[in-house]
């Protein structure tokens, strides 16, 4: 049975803190609960001590779905990575957060406002075996702690395109699952529905956000960064852009997907009211699933 969640990034952006600056955690959680979400992912406003966070989440009646972790496996081995991510895993374990959303960020450009969106980092062919081996080791450790590692393909990282994603899946084992993100997929040339059909056992998590391709093209044309694109509105909530979610929903139902679908609307909250956009996306996706 699908569970419905939301990302706090529409209220307070992790990569661009100026977007949503001054927003309180209580506002985010109160809005999420009022809309009707079952849970929410972590963001930079959430306490990192489970003894503090757990009662806050309980008071709002929301599950902690999981949270983002930026790996640096191109710089350090799996053992060092596991040591570095242990506080994050301890936090998730302490609040029953089961999804560890990861991406390789040691050479990523998505948080660099001076780096053009059209110049993402690339991983040489001879680097994939070792990267994949390390990722398998980290995923096995995450699984041993009772959680799922869900790799997030992401603009401005070494896993951005359909070829990158194919290499990742072909070179890693079943403990390395995916966070399918419709927005990043659309701009990376990835068909989410095809990935679900081709790799059903690797679909651990879903991020649902819509796209405005004209704004993406404008960002590329002017040499803008990923952060410039976000501020310009290359992403929006489901139903407000040009992505057709129906094939993805059909594919997920075809594999009896029973995980989280997380609504995202990664844009400037001063221009797009986060509560209204999250609620609209929720209604759009629920209608598709119910149909």
Protein backbone atom coordinates (compact mmCIF):
# COMPACT_ATOMS: atom_id res chain seq x y z
CA UNK A 1 0.00 0.00 0.00
CA UNK A 2 1.43 3.34 -1.08
CA UNK A 3 2.23 5.81 1.67
CA UNK A 4 2.13 9.52 0.99
CA UNK A 5 4.88 11.86 2.07
CA UNK A 6 6.24 15.30 1.37
CA UNK A 7 9.64 16.93 1.23
CA UNK A 8 10.25 20.08 3.29
CA UNK A 9 12.29 21.52 0.43
CA UNK A 10 9.33 23.50 -0.89
CA UNK A 11 9.20 25.41 2.41
CA UNK A 12 12.92 25.69 3.19
CA UNK A 13 15.49 24.74 0.56
CA UNK A 14 18.52 22.74 1.71
CA UNK A 15 20.74 23.60 -1.27
CA UNK A 16 19.75 27.28 -1.38
CA UNK A 17 18.92 28.31 2.21
CA UNK A 18 17.89 31.80 1.11
CA UNK A 19 14.74 30.20 -0.28
CA UNK A 20 12.41 29.92 2.69
CA UNK A 21 14.74 31.60 5.16
CA UNK A 22 12.85 32.32 8.38
CA UNK A 23 10.41 29.44 7.93
CA UNK A 24 9.98 27.41 11.11
CA UNK A 25 9.92 23.65 11.47
CA UNK A 26 6.56 23.91 13.22
CA UNK A 27 5.08 25.63 10.17
CA UNK A 28 6.34 22.89 7.85
CA UNK A 29 5.10 20.05 10.02
CA UNK A 30 1.75 21.68 10.75
CA UNK A 31 1.16 22.30 7.05
CA UNK A 32 2.15 18.75 6.12
CA UNK A 33 -0.21 17.25 8.65
CA UNK A 34 -3.07 19.56 7.73
CA UNK A 35 -2.75 18.56 4.06
CA UNK A 36 -3.02 14.90 5.03
CA UNK A 37 0.46 13.50 4.48
CA UNK A 38 1.52 10.39 6.39
CA UNK A 39 5.15 11.41 6.72
CA UNK A 40 7.89 13.84 5.79
CA UNK A 41 11.55 13.63 4.85
CA UNK A 42 14.26 15.34 6.86
CA UNK A 43 15.51 18.81 6.02
CA UNK A 44 18.07 21.20 7.46
CA UNK A 45 15.63 22.59 10.06
CA UNK A 46 15.11 19.20 11.73
CA UNK A 47 16.98 18.47 15.00
CA UNK A 48 19.72 15.86 14.59
CA UNK A 49 19.15 14.32 18.02
CA UNK A 50 16.50 11.57 17.88
CA UNK A 51 15.59 12.19 21.52
CA UNK A 52 14.56 15.71 20.51
CA UNK A 53 13.13 14.94 17.07
CA UNK A 54 11.02 11.88 17.91
CA UNK A 55 8.58 13.68 20.25
CA UNK A 56 8.26 16.57 17.79
CA UNK A 57 7.25 14.20 15.03
CA UNK A 58 4.89 12.30 17.34
CA UNK A 59 3.19 15.54 18.37
CA UNK A 60 2.46 16.31 14.73
CA UNK A 61 1.39 12.75 13.92
CA UNK A 62 3.93 12.37 11.12
CA UNK A 63 6.33 9.56 10.30
CA UNK A 64 9.96 10.40 9.57
CA UNK A 65 10.43 8.85 6.14
CA UNK A 66 14.18 9.18 5.89
CA UNK A 67 16.67 11.72 4.69
CA UNK A 68 19.34 12.78 2.21
CA UNK A 69 22.98 11.90 2.70
CA UNK A 70 25.76 13.11 0.38
CA UNK A 71 28.38 10.40 -0.07
CA UNK A 72 32.05 10.92 -0.96
CA UNK A 73 32.94 7.47 -2.23
CA UNK A 74 35.19 8.87 -4.93
CA UNK A 75 37.43 10.27 -2.18
CA UNK A 76 37.29 7.59 0.55
CA UNK A 77 36.73 3.87 0.88
CA UNK A 78 33.55 2.20 2.10
CA UNK A 79 34.78 1.82 5.68
CA UNK A 80 35.51 5.54 5.96
CA UNK A 81 32.16 6.36 4.38
CA UNK A 82 30.32 4.13 6.83
CA UNK A 83 32.06 5.86 9.73
CA UNK A 84 31.12 9.27 8.32
CA UNK A 85 27.46 8.38 7.81
CA UNK A 86 26.97 6.67 11.18
CA UNK A 87 25.48 9.77 12.90
CA UNK A 88 22.93 10.03 10.07
CA UNK A 89 22.04 6.35 10.37
CA UNK A 90 21.78 6.68 14.15
CA UNK A 91 19.36 9.57 13.73
CA UNK A 92 17.18 7.63 11.30
CA UNK A 93 17.23 4.55 13.50
CA UNK A 94 16.17 6.66 16.46
CA UNK A 95 13.09 8.00 14.68
CA UNK A 96 12.23 4.86 12.66
CA UNK A 97 13.26 6.47 9.38
CA UNK A 98 13.75 3.60 6.96
CA UNK A 99 14.98 5.29 3.76
CA UNK A 100 18.58 6.45 3.35
CA UNK A 101 18.58 8.63 0.24
CA UNK A 102 22.13 8.91 -1.09
CA UNK A 103 24.00 10.46 -3.98
CA UNK A 104 27.69 10.83 -4.75
CA UNK A 105 28.55 14.45 -3.98
CA UNK A 106 32.36 14.55 -3.74
CA UNK A 107 32.59 16.22 -7.15
CA UNK A 108 28.99 17.33 -7.62
CA UNK A 109 28.18 20.77 -9.02
CA UNK A 110 24.53 21.08 -8.00
CA UNK A 111 25.31 23.22 -4.95
CA UNK A 112 27.83 25.42 -6.77
CA UNK A 113 26.13 28.57 -7.97
CA UNK A 114 29.04 29.31 -10.31
CA UNK A 115 28.95 25.96 -12.10
CA UNK A 116 26.84 25.80 -15.29
CA UNK A 117 24.06 23.23 -15.29
CA UNK A 118 25.24 21.97 -18.68
CA UNK A 119 28.65 20.91 -17.34
CA UNK A 120 27.97 18.07 -14.91
CA UNK A 121 30.80 15.90 -13.59
CA UNK A 122 31.43 12.64 -15.42
CA UNK A 123 32.73 9.34 -14.07
CA UNK A 124 35.32 7.66 -16.33
CA UNK A 125 34.53 4.11 -17.40
CA UNK A 126 37.48 2.70 -15.46
CA UNK A 127 36.22 4.32 -12.22
CA UNK A 128 32.83 2.60 -12.20
CA UNK A 129 33.93 -0.82 -10.86
CA UNK A 130 35.55 0.57 -7.70
CA UNK A 131 32.80 3.12 -7.13
CA UNK A 132 30.19 0.38 -7.47
CA UNK A 133 32.09 -1.98 -5.16
CA UNK A 134 32.25 0.67 -2.46
CA UNK A 135 28.58 1.50 -2.92
CA UNK A 136 27.66 -2.17 -2.55
CA UNK A 137 29.56 -2.29 0.75
CA UNK A 138 27.80 0.79 2.09
CA UNK A 139 24.42 -0.55 0.99
CA UNK A 140 25.08 -3.86 2.75
CA UNK A 141 25.87 -1.98 5.96
CA UNK A 142 22.71 0.11 5.68
CA UNK A 143 20.68 -3.07 5.15
CA UNK A 144 22.31 -4.67 8.20
CA UNK A 145 20.85 -1.80 10.22
CA UNK A 146 17.36 -2.49 8.91
CA UNK A 147 17.18 0.39 6.43
CA UNK A 148 17.08 0.77 2.66
CA UNK A 149 19.72 2.60 0.64
CA UNK A 150 17.94 4.39 -2.19
CA UNK A 151 20.35 6.01 -4.66
CA UNK A 152 19.13 9.35 -6.03
CA UNK A 153 20.07 10.17 -9.64
CA UNK A 154 20.54 13.94 -9.60
CA UNK A 155 21.44 16.79 -11.93
CA UNK A 156 25.00 17.97 -11.41
CA UNK A 157 26.27 14.60 -10.18
CA UNK A 158 27.97 11.58 -11.74
CA UNK A 159 24.63 9.74 -11.93
CA UNK A 160 22.53 12.12 -13.98
CA UNK A 161 21.74 10.51 -17.35
CA UNK A 162 20.10 7.29 -18.46
CA UNK A 163 23.54 5.85 -19.31
CA UNK A 164 24.80 6.71 -15.82
CA UNK A 165 21.79 5.05 -14.23
CA UNK A 166 22.15 1.93 -16.36
CA UNK A 167 25.81 1.62 -15.33
CA UNK A 168 24.94 2.09 -11.68
CA UNK A 169 22.30 -0.64 -11.71
CA UNK A 170 24.31 -3.04 -13.84
CA UNK A 171 27.39 -2.77 -11.62
CA UNK A 172 25.74 -2.98 -8.20
CA UNK A 173 23.76 -5.60 -6.33
CA UNK A 174 20.17 -5.69 -5.06
CA UNK A 175 20.93 -3.82 -1.82
CA UNK A 176 21.49 -0.68 -3.91
CA UNK A 177 17.99 0.55 -4.61
CA UNK A 178 16.76 3.69 -6.31
CA UNK A 179 15.01 6.89 -5.48
CA UNK A 180 13.18 7.56 -8.73
CA UNK A 181 12.86 11.33 -9.07
CA UNK A 182 10.58 12.40 -11.92
CA UNK A 183 12.01 15.92 -12.23
CA UNK A 184 15.66 14.92 -12.34
CA UNK A 185 14.74 11.99 -14.60
CA UNK A 186 13.01 14.22 -17.14
CA UNK A 187 16.01 16.52 -17.42
CA UNK A 188 18.49 13.64 -17.39
CA UNK A 189 16.81 11.81 -20.27
CA UNK A 190 15.51 9.02 -18.02
CA UNK A 191 12.07 7.44 -18.42
CA UNK A 192 10.93 6.66 -14.85
CA UNK A 193 8.21 4.24 -15.97
CA UNK A 194 10.73 2.26 -18.03
CA UNK A 195 13.12 2.09 -15.09
CA UNK A 196 10.33 0.76 -12.86
CA UNK A 197 9.43 -1.89 -15.41
CA UNK A 198 13.04 -2.89 -16.09
CA UNK A 199 14.28 -2.86 -12.48
CA UNK A 200 11.21 -3.58 -10.31
CA UNK A 201 13.15 -4.96 -7.36
CA UNK A 202 15.39 -1.90 -7.19
CA UNK A 203 12.62 0.69 -6.76
CA UNK A 204 12.86 1.65 -3.08
CA UNK A 205 11.53 5.22 -3.09
CA UNK A 206 9.78 7.79 -5.32
CA UNK A 207 10.09 11.58 -5.52
CA UNK A 208 7.25 13.15 -7.52
CA UNK A 209 7.82 16.62 -8.90
CA UNK A 210 6.81 18.24 -12.16
CA UNK A 211 8.88 20.14 -14.71
CA UNK A 212 8.83 23.36 -16.71
CA UNK A 213 11.13 22.52 -19.66
CA UNK A 214 11.12 26.07 -21.09
CA UNK A 215 12.73 27.37 -17.90
CA UNK A 216 15.24 24.53 -17.97
CA UNK A 217 16.19 25.38 -21.55
CA UNK A 218 16.55 29.05 -20.60
CA UNK A 219 18.84 28.12 -17.70
CA UNK A 220 21.02 26.01 -20.00
CA UNK A 221 21.09 28.69 -22.70
CA UNK A 222 22.27 31.41 -20.32
CA UNK A 223 24.87 29.22 -18.61
CA UNK A 224 22.95 29.20 -15.35
CA UNK A 225 23.62 26.78 -12.50
CA UNK A 226 21.35 24.16 -11.00
CA UNK A 227 20.58 26.61 -8.19
CA UNK A 228 19.69 29.28 -10.77
CA UNK A 229 17.33 26.78 -12.36
CA UNK A 230 15.64 25.97 -9.06
CA UNK A 231 15.14 29.66 -8.31
CA UNK A 232 13.79 30.18 -11.83
CA UNK A 233 11.23 27.40 -11.37
CA UNK A 234 12.46 24.48 -13.50
CA UNK A 235 10.61 22.26 -11.00
CA UNK A 236 7.09 22.48 -9.63
CA UNK A 237 4.47 20.33 -7.96
CA UNK A 238 2.77 17.43 -9.80
CA UNK A 239 0.03 18.68 -12.09
CA UNK A 240 1.51 22.14 -12.54
CA UNK A 241 4.05 21.30 -15.23
CA UNK A 242 4.45 19.19 -18.38
CA UNK A 243 5.28 15.74 -17.00
CA UNK A 244 2.70 12.98 -17.53
CA UNK A 245 2.63 10.96 -14.32
CA UNK A 246 0.09 8.38 -15.54
CA UNK A 247 2.63 5.94 -17.08
CA UNK A 248 4.73 6.02 -13.92
CA UNK A 249 1.74 5.33 -11.69
CA UNK A 250 0.71 2.46 -13.97
CA UNK A 251 4.22 1.02 -13.82
CA UNK A 252 4.35 1.31 -10.02
CA UNK A 253 0.98 -0.39 -9.68
CA UNK A 254 2.18 -3.04 -12.10
CA UNK A 255 4.95 -4.03 -9.68
CA UNK A 256 2.69 -3.67 -6.62
CA UNK A 257 4.85 -0.86 -5.27
CA UNK A 258 4.10 -0.34 -1.59
CA UNK A 259 6.62 2.30 -0.55
CA UNK A 260 6.53 6.06 -0.21
CA UNK A 261 5.61 8.56 -2.90
CA UNK A 262 6.99 11.90 -1.77
CA UNK A 263 5.56 15.09 -3.22
CA UNK A 264 8.15 17.75 -4.00
CA UNK A 265 7.80 21.29 -5.26
CA UNK A 266 11.36 22.57 -5.27
CA UNK A 267 10.96 26.25 -5.99
CA UNK A 268 10.98 29.67 -4.35
CA UNK A 269 8.30 29.68 -1.60
CA UNK A 270 8.01 33.45 -1.94
CA UNK A 271 6.64 32.88 -5.44
CA UNK A 272 4.88 29.53 -4.89
CA UNK A 273 3.10 29.07 -1.57
CA UNK A 274 4.47 25.74 -0.30
CA UNK A 275 1.33 24.61 1.47
CA UNK A 276 -0.87 25.30 -1.55
CA UNK A 277 1.54 23.66 -3.99
CA UNK A 278 2.10 20.59 -1.80
CA UNK A 279 -1.65 20.17 -1.38
CA UNK A 280 -2.24 20.51 -5.12
CA UNK A 281 0.43 17.93 -5.93
CA UNK A 282 -1.00 15.56 -3.35
CA UNK A 283 -4.48 15.78 -4.87
CA UNK A 284 -3.10 15.25 -8.38
CA UNK A 285 -1.16 12.13 -7.46
CA UNK A 286 -3.90 10.63 -5.29
CA UNK A 287 -6.39 10.96 -8.14
CA UNK A 288 -4.04 9.13 -10.53
CA UNK A 289 -3.48 6.31 -8.05
CA UNK A 290 -7.17 6.00 -7.22
CA UNK A 291 -8.03 5.78 -10.92
